[in-house]
Amino acid sequence: MKMPDQLYLFFKKGNSLIKMNRLILLVLVLLASLNIFAREITNKDIEQIHKDINNMYTAFETGDASLLLASAHSSIYKITGGKSNYESLVVSSVEEIMEQGIIFHEAKLGKPTKLYLSGEEEICFVPRVSIMEYKGQKMKSTGFLIAIRSKGSNDWKYLDGSGLRRDQGLLWKLLPELSKDVELPANFLEKL
């Protein structure tokens, strides 16, 4: 029994559509392996990141810059004139904050974003809201930290995102292989 010509053409076109759908699916799978896409962060990573950040800021708020220095991602050295300049800047900034009598009231970390690829590193953004007081005026800082590790590593390094408030483009100077499509968390300072 011979298939009518119109029905034959329909099935023939259908085969082309199936082939086209398979090709589209293959392209999407290949794109998923590129830097554009993100993947979920594990609960273990979230716990480690929160622990690291809380420890850094607890030390910082008492005038101890050692954990900030030890946890800094090396990309910051590019824009600060090297490691020793960066260390001097951080130490003097912490001393100045302590001399000014800034009081830190509370801080809360949010859930880190998905992991994004940046060359051989993975990064995520960790929202942080803190309340501080200077000369009787309370301020609320809504910002984020950037958590960075080499692929396959559990050793996280950090950058403070508050420096991006005036110039978001600075992020790609620090991490040039990061996709420009990432969305940054809120980042502003306000009086209460």
N, C-alpha and C. Protein backbone atom coordinates (compact mmCIF):
# COMPACT_ATOMS: atom_id res chain seq x y z
N MET A 1 0.85 -1.18 0.00
CA MET A 1 0.00 0.00 0.00
C MET A 1 0.89 1.23 0.00
N LYS A 2 0.64 2.12 -0.93
CA LYS A 2 1.46 3.31 -1.10
C LYS A 2 0.88 4.46 -0.28
N MET A 3 1.78 5.20 0.41
CA MET A 3 1.37 6.35 1.20
C MET A 3 1.02 7.50 0.28
N PRO A 4 -0.09 8.21 0.53
CA PRO A 4 -0.42 9.38 -0.30
C PRO A 4 0.73 10.40 -0.27
N ASP A 5 0.93 11.10 -1.37
CA ASP A 5 2.04 12.05 -1.50
C ASP A 5 2.02 13.12 -0.40
N GLN A 6 0.87 13.65 -0.06
CA GLN A 6 0.80 14.71 0.95
C GLN A 6 1.21 14.18 2.33
N LEU A 7 0.78 12.98 2.65
CA LEU A 7 1.14 12.37 3.93
C LEU A 7 2.64 12.08 3.99
N TYR A 8 3.19 11.61 2.88
CA TYR A 8 4.62 11.34 2.79
C TYR A 8 5.42 12.63 3.04
N LEU A 9 5.01 13.73 2.40
CA LEU A 9 5.69 15.01 2.59
C LEU A 9 5.60 15.48 4.04
N PHE A 10 4.45 15.25 4.66
CA PHE A 10 4.28 15.65 6.06
C PHE A 10 5.27 14.92 6.95
N PHE A 11 5.37 13.61 6.79
CA PHE A 11 6.30 12.85 7.61
C PHE A 11 7.76 13.19 7.29
N LYS A 12 8.02 13.48 6.03
CA LYS A 12 9.37 13.86 5.64
C LYS A 12 9.74 15.18 6.33
N LYS A 13 8.82 16.14 6.31
CA LYS A 13 9.05 17.42 7.00
C LYS A 13 9.19 17.17 8.50
N GLY A 14 8.37 16.28 9.02
CA GLY A 14 8.45 15.95 10.44
C GLY A 14 9.84 15.45 10.82
N ASN A 15 10.41 14.64 9.97
CA ASN A 15 11.76 14.16 10.23
C ASN A 15 12.75 15.32 10.28
N SER A 16 12.57 16.29 9.39
CA SER A 16 13.44 17.47 9.41
C SER A 16 13.28 18.24 10.71
N LEU A 17 12.05 18.34 11.17
CA LEU A 17 11.80 19.03 12.44
C LEU A 17 12.45 18.30 13.60
N ILE A 18 12.36 16.98 13.59
CA ILE A 18 13.00 16.19 14.64
C ILE A 18 14.51 16.41 14.59
N LYS A 19 15.08 16.38 13.39
CA LYS A 19 16.52 16.61 13.25
C LYS A 19 16.89 18.00 13.74
N MET A 20 16.07 19.00 13.40
CA MET A 20 16.33 20.38 13.82
C MET A 20 16.24 20.49 15.35
N ASN A 21 15.25 19.85 15.95
CA ASN A 21 15.12 19.87 17.41
C ASN A 21 16.32 19.23 18.09
N ARG A 22 16.80 18.13 17.51
CA ARG A 22 17.99 17.47 18.06
C ARG A 22 19.21 18.38 17.96
N LEU A 23 19.33 19.09 16.84
CA LEU A 23 20.45 20.01 16.65
C LEU A 23 20.38 21.16 17.67
N ILE A 24 19.21 21.70 17.87
CA ILE A 24 19.02 22.78 18.85
C ILE A 24 19.38 22.27 20.25
N LEU A 25 18.93 21.08 20.59
CA LEU A 25 19.24 20.50 21.89
C LEU A 25 20.74 20.31 22.06
N LEU A 26 21.41 19.85 21.03
CA LEU A 26 22.87 19.67 21.07
C LEU A 26 23.57 21.00 21.30
N VAL A 27 23.14 22.04 20.59
CA VAL A 27 23.73 23.38 20.77
C VAL A 27 23.53 23.86 22.20
N LEU A 28 22.34 23.66 22.75
CA LEU A 28 22.08 24.08 24.13
C LEU A 28 22.95 23.34 25.13
N VAL A 29 23.15 22.05 24.92
CA VAL A 29 24.02 21.26 25.80
C VAL A 29 25.45 21.78 25.71
N LEU A 30 25.91 22.09 24.52
CA LEU A 30 27.27 22.62 24.36
C LEU A 30 27.41 23.98 25.01
N LEU A 31 26.41 24.84 24.86
CA LEU A 31 26.46 26.16 25.49
C LEU A 31 26.46 26.05 27.00
N ALA A 32 25.80 25.06 27.53
CA ALA A 32 25.74 24.90 28.99
C ALA A 32 27.11 24.66 29.58
N SER A 33 28.04 24.19 28.79
CA SER A 33 29.39 23.95 29.30
C SER A 33 30.26 25.19 29.25
N LEU A 34 29.77 26.27 28.65
CA LEU A 34 30.54 27.50 28.57
C LEU A 34 30.35 28.33 29.84
N ASN A 35 31.08 29.43 29.93
CA ASN A 35 31.07 30.30 31.11
C ASN A 35 29.75 31.04 31.31
N ILE A 36 28.90 31.08 30.33
CA ILE A 36 27.68 31.87 30.41
C ILE A 36 26.75 31.35 31.49
N PHE A 37 26.68 30.05 31.65
CA PHE A 37 25.71 29.45 32.54
C PHE A 37 26.27 29.25 33.94
N ALA A 38 25.36 29.25 34.90
CA ALA A 38 25.74 29.08 36.29
C ALA A 38 25.20 27.76 36.80
N ARG A 39 25.77 27.31 37.92
CA ARG A 39 25.24 26.10 38.55
C ARG A 39 25.00 26.39 40.02
N GLU A 40 24.16 25.60 40.62
CA GLU A 40 23.80 25.80 42.02
C GLU A 40 24.99 25.54 42.94
N ILE A 41 25.03 26.27 44.02
CA ILE A 41 26.08 26.10 45.02
C ILE A 41 25.58 25.09 46.06
N THR A 42 26.49 24.30 46.62
CA THR A 42 26.08 23.27 47.58
C THR A 42 25.88 23.87 48.97
N ASN A 43 25.12 23.17 49.80
CA ASN A 43 24.92 23.61 51.19
C ASN A 43 26.24 23.64 51.95
N LYS A 44 27.11 22.69 51.66
CA LYS A 44 28.43 22.65 52.32
C LYS A 44 29.23 23.91 51.98
N ASP A 45 29.19 24.31 50.71
CA ASP A 45 29.89 25.54 50.30
C ASP A 45 29.27 26.77 50.98
N ILE A 46 27.95 26.81 51.05
CA ILE A 46 27.28 27.94 51.70
C ILE A 46 27.72 28.05 53.16
N GLU A 47 27.74 26.92 53.86
CA GLU A 47 28.17 26.93 55.26
C GLU A 47 29.60 27.44 55.41
N GLN A 48 30.49 26.98 54.53
CA GLN A 48 31.89 27.41 54.60
C GLN A 48 32.03 28.91 54.31
N ILE A 49 31.35 29.38 53.28
CA ILE A 49 31.40 30.79 52.91
C ILE A 49 30.87 31.65 54.05
N HIS A 50 29.73 31.29 54.61
CA HIS A 50 29.16 32.07 55.72
C HIS A 50 30.09 32.09 56.92
N LYS A 51 30.68 30.95 57.22
CA LYS A 51 31.62 30.87 58.34
C LYS A 51 32.83 31.79 58.11
N ASP A 52 33.41 31.69 56.91
CA ASP A 52 34.56 32.53 56.57
C ASP A 52 34.23 34.02 56.70
N ILE A 53 33.13 34.43 56.10
CA ILE A 53 32.77 35.85 56.09
C ILE A 53 32.46 36.34 57.50
N ASN A 54 31.71 35.55 58.27
CA ASN A 54 31.41 35.96 59.64
C ASN A 54 32.70 36.11 60.46
N ASN A 55 33.64 35.19 60.30
CA ASN A 55 34.91 35.28 61.02
C ASN A 55 35.70 36.52 60.61
N MET A 56 35.73 36.80 59.30
CA MET A 56 36.46 37.97 58.81
C MET A 56 35.90 39.26 59.40
N TYR A 57 34.57 39.38 59.38
CA TYR A 57 33.96 40.62 59.85
C TYR A 57 33.97 40.73 61.37
N THR A 58 33.90 39.63 62.07
CA THR A 58 34.01 39.68 63.53
C THR A 58 35.39 40.23 63.91
N ALA A 59 36.43 39.75 63.25
CA ALA A 59 37.78 40.24 63.50
C ALA A 59 37.91 41.71 63.07
N PHE A 60 37.42 42.03 61.89
CA PHE A 60 37.50 43.39 61.36
C PHE A 60 36.83 44.40 62.31
N GLU A 61 35.66 44.05 62.81
CA GLU A 61 34.90 44.97 63.67
C GLU A 61 35.55 45.21 65.02
N THR A 62 36.55 44.42 65.35
CA THR A 62 37.32 44.66 66.58
C THR A 62 38.70 45.24 66.27
N GLY A 63 38.94 45.59 65.00
CA GLY A 63 40.19 46.22 64.62
C GLY A 63 41.27 45.28 64.12
N ASP A 64 40.94 44.01 63.92
CA ASP A 64 41.91 43.01 63.48
C ASP A 64 41.75 42.78 61.97
N ALA A 65 42.76 43.17 61.19
CA ALA A 65 42.70 43.05 59.73
C ALA A 65 43.29 41.74 59.22
N SER A 66 43.80 40.90 60.10
CA SER A 66 44.54 39.72 59.65
C SER A 66 43.72 38.76 58.79
N LEU A 67 42.47 38.49 59.15
CA LEU A 67 41.66 37.57 58.34
C LEU A 67 41.26 38.19 57.00
N LEU A 68 41.03 39.51 56.99
CA LEU A 68 40.74 40.17 55.72
C LEU A 68 41.92 40.01 54.76
N LEU A 69 43.12 40.19 55.28
CA LEU A 69 44.32 40.08 54.46
C LEU A 69 44.55 38.64 54.00
N ALA A 70 44.38 37.70 54.89
CA ALA A 70 44.61 36.29 54.55
C ALA A 70 43.57 35.75 53.57
N SER A 71 42.38 36.33 53.58
CA SER A 71 41.28 35.83 52.76
C SER A 71 41.09 36.60 51.46
N ALA A 72 41.90 37.59 51.21
CA ALA A 72 41.73 38.42 50.02
C ALA A 72 42.11 37.66 48.75
N HIS A 73 41.30 37.82 47.72
CA HIS A 73 41.63 37.24 46.42
C HIS A 73 42.73 38.08 45.78
N SER A 74 43.68 37.42 45.17
CA SER A 74 44.87 38.10 44.64
C SER A 74 44.58 39.10 43.53
N SER A 75 43.41 39.05 42.92
CA SER A 75 43.10 40.00 41.84
C SER A 75 43.08 41.44 42.35
N ILE A 76 42.84 41.63 43.64
CA ILE A 76 42.79 42.98 44.20
C ILE A 76 44.15 43.67 44.13
N TYR A 77 45.21 42.89 44.07
CA TYR A 77 46.57 43.46 44.00
C TYR A 77 46.79 44.23 42.71
N LYS A 78 46.07 43.84 41.64
CA LYS A 78 46.22 44.52 40.34
C LYS A 78 45.88 46.00 40.43
N ILE A 79 44.86 46.32 41.20
CA ILE A 79 44.39 47.71 41.23
C ILE A 79 44.87 48.49 42.45
N THR A 80 45.63 47.83 43.32
CA THR A 80 46.12 48.52 44.51
C THR A 80 47.64 48.68 44.51
N GLY A 81 48.28 48.32 43.44
CA GLY A 81 49.73 48.49 43.35
C GLY A 81 50.54 47.38 43.97
N GLY A 82 49.94 46.20 44.11
CA GLY A 82 50.66 45.05 44.64
C GLY A 82 50.19 44.65 46.03
N LYS A 83 50.68 43.49 46.45
CA LYS A 83 50.24 42.91 47.72
C LYS A 83 50.61 43.79 48.92
N SER A 84 51.83 44.28 48.97
CA SER A 84 52.23 45.07 50.14
C SER A 84 51.45 46.38 50.22
N ASN A 85 51.17 47.01 49.07
CA ASN A 85 50.34 48.22 49.09
C ASN A 85 48.93 47.92 49.58
N TYR A 86 48.38 46.81 49.09
CA TYR A 86 47.04 46.41 49.53
C TYR A 86 47.02 46.20 51.04
N GLU A 87 47.99 45.48 51.56
CA GLU A 87 48.04 45.22 53.00
C GLU A 87 48.14 46.51 53.79
N SER A 88 48.96 47.45 53.32
CA SER A 88 49.07 48.75 54.01
C SER A 88 47.76 49.51 53.99
N LEU A 89 47.07 49.49 52.83
CA LEU A 89 45.77 50.16 52.71
C LEU A 89 44.75 49.58 53.68
N VAL A 90 44.68 48.27 53.76
CA VAL A 90 43.70 47.62 54.64
C VAL A 90 44.01 47.92 56.10
N VAL A 91 45.25 47.78 56.50
CA VAL A 91 45.62 48.03 57.89
C VAL A 91 45.32 49.48 58.28
N SER A 92 45.70 50.42 57.43
CA SER A 92 45.45 51.83 57.76
C SER A 92 43.95 52.14 57.76
N SER A 93 43.18 51.52 56.86
CA SER A 93 41.72 51.73 56.83
C SER A 93 41.06 51.20 58.09
N VAL A 94 41.47 50.02 58.53
CA VAL A 94 40.90 49.45 59.75
C VAL A 94 41.26 50.33 60.95
N GLU A 95 42.49 50.80 61.02
CA GLU A 95 42.90 51.69 62.11
C GLU A 95 42.07 52.96 62.11
N GLU A 96 41.86 53.54 60.93
CA GLU A 96 41.06 54.76 60.81
C GLU A 96 39.62 54.54 61.25
N ILE A 97 39.04 53.42 60.87
CA ILE A 97 37.66 53.10 61.28
C ILE A 97 37.57 53.00 62.80
N MET A 98 38.56 52.37 63.41
CA MET A 98 38.56 52.23 64.86
C MET A 98 38.72 53.59 65.54
N GLU A 99 39.58 54.46 64.99
CA GLU A 99 39.79 55.79 65.55
C GLU A 99 38.54 56.66 65.44
N GLN A 100 37.78 56.49 64.37
CA GLN A 100 36.57 57.28 64.16
C GLN A 100 35.43 56.84 65.06
N GLY A 101 35.57 55.71 65.69
CA GLY A 101 34.55 55.25 66.62
C GLY A 101 33.30 54.71 65.96
N ILE A 102 33.43 54.12 64.79
CA ILE A 102 32.28 53.50 64.13
C ILE A 102 31.86 52.29 64.95
N ILE A 103 30.57 52.21 65.21
CA ILE A 103 30.01 51.10 66.00
C ILE A 103 29.24 50.19 65.05
N PHE A 104 29.54 48.91 65.11
CA PHE A 104 28.86 47.93 64.27
C PHE A 104 27.77 47.26 65.11
N HIS A 105 26.54 47.37 64.65
CA HIS A 105 25.40 46.85 65.42
C HIS A 105 25.01 45.43 65.03
N GLU A 106 24.80 45.21 63.76
CA GLU A 106 24.36 43.87 63.34
C GLU A 106 24.68 43.66 61.87
N ALA A 107 24.69 42.41 61.48
CA ALA A 107 24.93 42.06 60.08
C ALA A 107 24.23 40.74 59.77
N LYS A 108 23.79 40.63 58.54
CA LYS A 108 23.11 39.40 58.12
C LYS A 108 23.58 39.05 56.71
N LEU A 109 23.95 37.80 56.54
CA LEU A 109 24.36 37.29 55.23
C LEU A 109 23.17 36.62 54.54
N GLY A 110 23.08 36.84 53.25
CA GLY A 110 22.06 36.17 52.45
C GLY A 110 22.62 34.93 51.79
N LYS A 111 21.77 34.24 51.07
CA LYS A 111 22.20 33.03 50.35
C LYS A 111 23.06 33.43 49.16
N PRO A 112 24.22 32.80 49.01
CA PRO A 112 25.04 33.08 47.84
C PRO A 112 24.30 32.78 46.54
N THR A 113 24.67 33.51 45.51
CA THR A 113 24.09 33.27 44.20
C THR A 113 24.62 31.95 43.64
N LYS A 114 24.18 31.63 42.46
CA LYS A 114 24.73 30.46 41.76
C LYS A 114 26.22 30.69 41.51
N LEU A 115 26.92 29.61 41.22
CA LEU A 115 28.34 29.69 40.87
C LEU A 115 28.48 30.04 39.40
N TYR A 116 29.34 31.01 39.13
CA TYR A 116 29.65 31.41 37.76
C TYR A 116 31.11 31.07 37.48
N LEU A 117 31.40 30.73 36.24
CA LEU A 117 32.78 30.46 35.86
C LEU A 117 33.46 31.75 35.43
N SER A 118 34.72 31.86 35.82
CA SER A 118 35.57 32.96 35.41
C SER A 118 36.93 32.36 35.12
N GLY A 119 37.12 31.89 33.89
CA GLY A 119 38.35 31.19 33.55
C GLY A 119 38.45 29.90 34.33
N GLU A 120 39.50 29.74 35.11
CA GLU A 120 39.71 28.54 35.91
C GLU A 120 39.16 28.69 37.33
N GLU A 121 38.34 29.71 37.55
CA GLU A 121 37.78 29.94 38.88
C GLU A 121 36.26 29.93 38.84
N GLU A 122 35.69 29.65 40.01
CA GLU A 122 34.24 29.73 40.21
C GLU A 122 34.00 30.87 41.18
N ILE A 123 32.95 31.63 40.91
CA ILE A 123 32.63 32.73 41.82
C ILE A 123 31.14 32.75 42.12
N CYS A 124 30.81 33.35 43.26
CA CYS A 124 29.42 33.63 43.59
C CYS A 124 29.39 34.94 44.36
N PHE A 125 28.22 35.52 44.44
CA PHE A 125 28.02 36.78 45.15
C PHE A 125 27.23 36.49 46.42
N VAL A 126 27.71 37.04 47.53
CA VAL A 126 27.09 36.75 48.83
C VAL A 126 26.50 38.06 49.39
N PRO A 127 25.18 38.21 49.36
CA PRO A 127 24.56 39.42 49.88
C PRO A 127 24.84 39.59 51.38
N ARG A 128 25.04 40.86 51.79
CA ARG A 128 25.28 41.16 53.20
C ARG A 128 24.65 42.51 53.52
N VAL A 129 23.86 42.52 54.59
CA VAL A 129 23.25 43.76 55.08
C VAL A 129 23.79 44.00 56.48
N SER A 130 24.30 45.20 56.71
CA SER A 130 24.83 45.51 58.04
C SER A 130 24.34 46.89 58.49
N ILE A 131 24.24 47.03 59.80
CA ILE A 131 23.85 48.30 60.42
C ILE A 131 25.04 48.77 61.24
N MET A 132 25.43 50.03 61.01
CA MET A 132 26.52 50.61 61.77
C MET A 132 26.13 52.02 62.19
N GLU A 133 26.92 52.58 63.08
CA GLU A 133 26.63 53.91 63.58
C GLU A 133 27.90 54.74 63.61
N TYR A 134 27.78 55.99 63.16
CA TYR A 134 28.90 56.92 63.16
C TYR A 134 28.41 58.26 63.68
N LYS A 135 28.97 58.70 64.82
CA LYS A 135 28.60 59.97 65.46
C LYS A 135 27.09 60.08 65.65
N GLY A 136 26.49 59.02 66.14
CA GLY A 136 25.07 59.02 66.45
C GLY A 136 24.15 58.77 65.26
N GLN A 137 24.68 58.69 64.06
CA GLN A 137 23.86 58.46 62.87
C GLN A 137 23.99 56.99 62.44
N LYS A 138 22.85 56.30 62.41
CA LYS A 138 22.86 54.90 61.95
C LYS A 138 22.82 54.85 60.43
N MET A 139 23.55 53.89 59.89
CA MET A 139 23.62 53.68 58.46
C MET A 139 23.36 52.20 58.17
N LYS A 140 22.72 51.96 57.05
CA LYS A 140 22.48 50.59 56.61
C LYS A 140 23.24 50.36 55.31
N SER A 141 24.11 49.38 55.32
CA SER A 141 24.87 49.01 54.14
C SER A 141 24.26 47.74 53.55
N THR A 142 23.75 47.85 52.34
CA THR A 142 23.24 46.69 51.61
C THR A 142 24.26 46.43 50.50
N GLY A 143 24.97 45.34 50.62
CA GLY A 143 26.03 45.06 49.66
C GLY A 143 26.25 43.57 49.48
N PHE A 144 27.46 43.23 49.09
CA PHE A 144 27.78 41.82 48.87
C PHE A 144 29.28 41.61 48.89
N LEU A 145 29.65 40.37 49.09
CA LEU A 145 31.03 39.95 48.93
C LEU A 145 31.09 39.03 47.72
N ILE A 146 32.26 38.94 47.15
CA ILE A 146 32.48 38.04 46.03
C ILE A 146 33.34 36.90 46.56
N ALA A 147 32.80 35.69 46.51
CA ALA A 147 33.53 34.50 46.95
C ALA A 147 34.11 33.83 45.70
N ILE A 148 35.41 33.50 45.76
CA ILE A 148 36.11 32.99 44.58
C ILE A 148 36.97 31.79 44.99
N ARG A 149 36.93 30.76 44.15
CA ARG A 149 37.82 29.62 44.37
C ARG A 149 38.23 29.05 43.03
N SER A 150 39.36 28.36 43.03
CA SER A 150 39.79 27.63 41.84
C SER A 150 38.85 26.44 41.66
N LYS A 151 38.60 26.06 40.42
CA LYS A 151 37.74 24.89 40.16
C LYS A 151 38.29 23.69 40.91
N GLY A 152 37.41 22.98 41.58
CA GLY A 152 37.79 21.77 42.30
C GLY A 152 38.39 22.02 43.67
N SER A 153 38.53 23.27 44.07
CA SER A 153 39.12 23.61 45.36
C SER A 153 38.03 23.92 46.38
N ASN A 154 38.38 23.83 47.66
CA ASN A 154 37.48 24.25 48.72
C ASN A 154 38.02 25.48 49.45
N ASP A 155 39.08 26.08 48.89
CA ASP A 155 39.73 27.23 49.50
C ASP A 155 39.17 28.52 48.89
N TRP A 156 38.24 29.14 49.61
CA TRP A 156 37.58 30.34 49.14
C TRP A 156 38.41 31.57 49.47
N LYS A 157 38.43 32.52 48.54
CA LYS A 157 39.02 33.84 48.74
C LYS A 157 37.91 34.85 48.49
N TYR A 158 38.11 36.09 48.96
CA TYR A 158 37.00 37.04 48.94
C TYR A 158 37.42 38.43 48.47
N LEU A 159 36.45 39.13 47.90
CA LEU A 159 36.55 40.54 47.57
C LEU A 159 35.29 41.21 48.11
N ASP A 160 35.44 42.41 48.61
CA ASP A 160 34.29 43.18 49.10
C ASP A 160 33.66 43.91 47.92
N GLY A 161 32.38 43.74 47.72
CA GLY A 161 31.69 44.36 46.60
C GLY A 161 31.36 45.82 46.78
N SER A 162 31.58 46.38 47.98
CA SER A 162 31.21 47.79 48.19
C SER A 162 32.02 48.72 47.29
N GLY A 163 33.21 48.31 46.87
CA GLY A 163 34.01 49.11 45.96
C GLY A 163 33.39 49.22 44.58
N LEU A 164 32.38 48.42 44.28
CA LEU A 164 31.72 48.45 42.98
C LEU A 164 30.53 49.40 42.96
N ARG A 165 30.25 50.06 44.09
CA ARG A 165 29.10 50.96 44.15
C ARG A 165 29.21 52.09 43.14
N ARG A 166 30.40 52.60 42.97
CA ARG A 166 30.60 53.72 42.04
C ARG A 166 30.97 53.25 40.64
N ASP A 167 31.56 52.07 40.53
CA ASP A 167 32.04 51.60 39.24
C ASP A 167 31.91 50.08 39.15
N GLN A 168 30.77 49.62 38.61
CA GLN A 168 30.57 48.17 38.47
C GLN A 168 31.55 47.55 37.48
N GLY A 169 32.04 48.34 36.53
CA GLY A 169 32.99 47.84 35.55
C GLY A 169 34.29 47.36 36.17
N LEU A 170 34.56 47.80 37.39
CA LEU A 170 35.75 47.37 38.11
C LEU A 170 35.76 45.84 38.30
N LEU A 171 34.57 45.25 38.41
CA LEU A 171 34.48 43.80 38.58
C LEU A 171 35.20 43.06 37.46
N TRP A 172 35.03 43.55 36.21
CA TRP A 172 35.64 42.85 35.07
C TRP A 172 37.11 43.21 34.90
N LYS A 173 37.59 44.24 35.58
CA LYS A 173 39.03 44.49 35.64
C LYS A 173 39.67 43.48 36.59
N LEU A 174 38.94 43.14 37.66
CA LEU A 174 39.42 42.16 38.63
C LEU A 174 39.27 40.73 38.10
N LEU A 175 38.15 40.46 37.45
CA LEU A 175 37.83 39.12 36.95
C LEU A 175 37.45 39.21 35.47
N PRO A 176 38.43 39.42 34.59
CA PRO A 176 38.13 39.69 33.18
C PRO A 176 37.46 38.54 32.43
N GLU A 177 37.56 37.32 32.93
CA GLU A 177 36.95 36.19 32.22
C GLU A 177 35.52 35.91 32.67
N LEU A 178 35.01 36.69 33.60
CA LEU A 178 33.64 36.53 34.07
C LEU A 178 32.68 37.08 33.02
N SER A 179 31.62 36.34 32.75
CA SER A 179 30.62 36.78 31.78
C SER A 179 30.04 38.14 32.20
N LYS A 180 29.82 38.97 31.22
CA LYS A 180 29.24 40.31 31.48
C LYS A 180 27.74 40.21 31.77
N ASP A 181 27.17 39.01 31.64
CA ASP A 181 25.74 38.82 31.83
C ASP A 181 25.34 38.56 33.28
N VAL A 182 26.29 38.45 34.20
CA VAL A 182 25.93 38.16 35.58
C VAL A 182 25.20 39.35 36.18
N GLU A 183 24.26 39.05 37.06
CA GLU A 183 23.52 40.11 37.75
C GLU A 183 24.10 40.27 39.14
N LEU A 184 24.46 41.49 39.49
CA LEU A 184 25.02 41.77 40.80
C LEU A 184 23.91 42.04 41.80
N PRO A 185 24.09 41.62 43.05
CA PRO A 185 23.11 41.93 44.08
C PRO A 185 23.06 43.43 44.35
N ALA A 186 22.05 43.86 45.09
CA ALA A 186 21.90 45.26 45.47
C ALA A 186 23.17 45.73 46.20
N ASN A 187 23.49 47.02 46.03
CA ASN A 187 24.74 47.52 46.57
C ASN A 187 24.61 49.04 46.82
N PHE A 188 24.16 49.41 48.03
CA PHE A 188 23.99 50.83 48.34
C PHE A 188 24.08 51.08 49.84
N LEU A 189 24.25 52.33 50.20
CA LEU A 189 24.38 52.78 51.59
C LEU A 189 23.28 53.78 51.84
N GLU A 190 22.61 53.68 53.00
CA GLU A 190 21.53 54.62 53.31
C GLU A 190 21.52 54.99 54.78
N LYS A 191 21.08 56.22 55.06
CA LYS A 191 20.91 56.67 56.45
C LYS A 191 19.60 56.12 56.97
N LEU A 192 19.61 55.79 58.25
CA LEU A 192 18.37 55.29 58.88
C LEU A 192 17.78 56.37 59.76
